[in-house]
C-alpha cells in the first residue's frame, strides 16, 4: 500500500467526477473548516484530520496515525499503518462538494478521493 491518503486506487474501482468539477483548496483555514469534526472515508478507510496536527483512524483493519501541517498551499503529512508507513509528502487538495481529492507529490502523483462525513 503506497499510501493511506493516496490509498490503493486499484483496491476499489469507483467512478469519480471529472477533474473539471474539482476546485483547489489553497487556504489552510478553508481546509480546516472542511475537515473539522468530520471523517474522511473511502472503502475500507476512516480517518480524522485533527486540528492539533494529528491524523487518526483505520485503514483496511489497521490503525492509522500520522502528523500533518499546511505548507505553501499543500496538505503535508506522514503516516504510519500496521508495520509500515509513508514518508512526508505534500499533497494538492481539490474539492467537489463533500469529496476531497488528495494528489500526492504536490499534484503530480497518485490520487485518492475521500468523502467528508
Protein backbone atom coordinates (compact mmCIF):
# COMPACT_ATOMS: atom_id res chain seq x y z
CA UNK A 1 0.00 0.00 0.00
CA UNK A 2 1.69 3.21 -1.18
CA UNK A 3 -0.37 5.50 0.98
CA UNK A 4 -3.40 5.65 3.20
CA UNK A 5 -4.41 9.10 2.00
CA UNK A 6 -3.50 8.22 -1.50
CA UNK A 7 -4.95 4.82 -0.91
CA UNK A 8 -4.67 1.94 -3.25
CA UNK A 9 -6.62 3.31 -6.15
CA UNK A 10 -6.52 -0.20 -7.54
CA UNK A 11 -8.13 -1.61 -4.40
CA UNK A 12 -11.53 -0.29 -5.40
CA UNK A 13 -12.55 0.98 -8.79
CA UNK A 14 -15.03 3.79 -8.32
CA UNK A 15 -16.38 6.34 -10.71
CA UNK A 16 -15.02 9.77 -9.90
CA UNK A 17 -16.21 13.12 -11.19
CA UNK A 18 -14.09 14.66 -13.91
CA UNK A 19 -11.21 16.87 -12.78
CA UNK A 20 -13.01 20.00 -14.03
CA UNK A 21 -15.59 19.57 -11.24
CA UNK A 22 -12.88 19.81 -8.58
CA UNK A 23 -11.59 23.15 -7.29
CA UNK A 24 -8.28 23.60 -5.45
CA UNK A 25 -8.28 24.15 -1.68
CA UNK A 26 -5.32 26.50 -1.24
CA UNK A 27 -6.04 28.07 2.15
CA UNK A 28 -5.38 26.30 5.43
CA UNK A 29 -8.40 27.95 7.09
CA UNK A 30 -10.74 26.57 4.44
CA UNK A 31 -9.21 23.08 4.71
CA UNK A 32 -9.56 23.15 8.50
CA UNK A 33 -13.22 24.19 8.21
CA UNK A 34 -13.89 21.32 5.81
CA UNK A 35 -12.37 18.58 7.99
CA UNK A 36 -13.24 19.93 11.46
CA UNK A 37 -15.27 17.32 13.35
CA UNK A 38 -15.69 15.14 10.26
CA UNK A 39 -14.27 11.87 8.99
CA UNK A 40 -12.64 11.27 5.64
CA UNK A 41 -13.97 7.98 4.29
CA UNK A 42 -13.42 5.63 1.41
CA UNK A 43 -13.94 1.90 1.03
CA UNK A 44 -12.07 0.35 3.97
CA UNK A 45 -10.81 3.69 5.30
CA UNK A 46 -11.98 6.10 8.03
CA UNK A 47 -9.67 8.95 9.00
CA UNK A 48 -9.79 12.10 11.06
CA UNK A 49 -7.51 15.05 10.35
CA UNK A 50 -7.35 16.70 13.76
CA UNK A 51 -6.75 20.41 14.43
CA UNK A 52 -3.61 19.84 16.53
CA UNK A 53 -1.80 18.28 13.55
CA UNK A 54 -2.62 14.59 14.06
CA UNK A 55 -4.16 12.03 11.74
CA UNK A 56 -6.01 9.10 13.31
CA UNK A 57 -8.19 6.32 12.05
CA UNK A 58 -8.30 2.90 10.47
CA UNK A 59 -7.47 1.63 7.03
CA UNK A 60 -8.27 -1.90 5.91
CA UNK A 61 -8.29 -3.18 9.50
CA UNK A 62 -5.09 -1.42 10.60
CA UNK A 63 -4.66 1.51 12.96
CA UNK A 64 -3.54 4.62 11.09
CA UNK A 65 -1.70 7.51 12.66
CA UNK A 66 0.33 10.41 11.46
CA UNK A 67 1.03 14.09 11.57
CA UNK A 68 0.08 16.87 9.21
CA UNK A 69 0.71 20.53 8.51
CA UNK A 70 -0.34 23.02 5.88
CA UNK A 71 2.65 24.31 3.90
CA UNK A 72 2.60 26.68 0.92
CA UNK A 73 -0.91 25.67 -0.15
CA UNK A 74 -0.42 21.92 0.29
CA UNK A 75 -1.51 19.29 2.83
CA UNK A 76 1.78 17.79 4.04
CA UNK A 77 1.74 14.62 6.13
CA UNK A 78 3.40 11.47 7.35
CA UNK A 79 1.50 8.24 8.02
CA UNK A 80 2.01 5.04 9.96
CA UNK A 81 -0.14 1.95 9.44
CA UNK A 82 0.42 -1.62 10.51
CA UNK A 83 4.15 -2.32 10.34
CA UNK A 84 4.72 0.28 7.62
CA UNK A 85 4.23 3.90 6.86
CA UNK A 86 4.51 6.65 4.32
CA UNK A 87 7.20 9.30 4.39
CA UNK A 88 6.49 13.00 4.45
CA UNK A 89 4.58 14.05 1.34
CA UNK A 90 2.87 17.29 0.34
CA UNK A 91 -0.41 16.83 -1.49
CA UNK A 92 -2.62 19.06 -3.57
CA UNK A 93 -6.17 19.08 -2.19
CA UNK A 94 -9.14 19.54 -4.51
CA UNK A 95 -12.82 19.72 -3.55
CA UNK A 96 -16.06 18.78 -5.25
CA UNK A 97 -18.96 19.05 -2.80
CA UNK A 98 -18.29 16.60 0.04
CA UNK A 99 -15.45 14.87 -1.80
CA UNK A 100 -11.82 15.81 -1.27
CA UNK A 101 -9.26 14.62 -3.78
CA UNK A 102 -5.69 14.30 -2.48
CA UNK A 103 -2.97 14.20 -5.16
CA UNK A 104 0.49 13.27 -3.89
CA UNK A 105 3.76 14.94 -4.87
CA UNK A 106 2.21 18.44 -4.97
CA UNK A 107 -0.38 17.37 -7.52
CA UNK A 108 1.94 15.29 -9.73
CA UNK A 109 1.44 11.80 -8.25
CA UNK A 110 -1.24 9.30 -7.28
CA UNK A 111 -4.65 10.47 -6.20
CA UNK A 112 -7.42 9.32 -3.89
CA UNK A 113 -10.91 10.65 -3.34
CA UNK A 114 -12.27 10.66 0.21
CA UNK A 115 -15.77 11.65 1.31
CA UNK A 116 -16.39 14.07 4.16
CA UNK A 117 -18.85 12.54 6.64
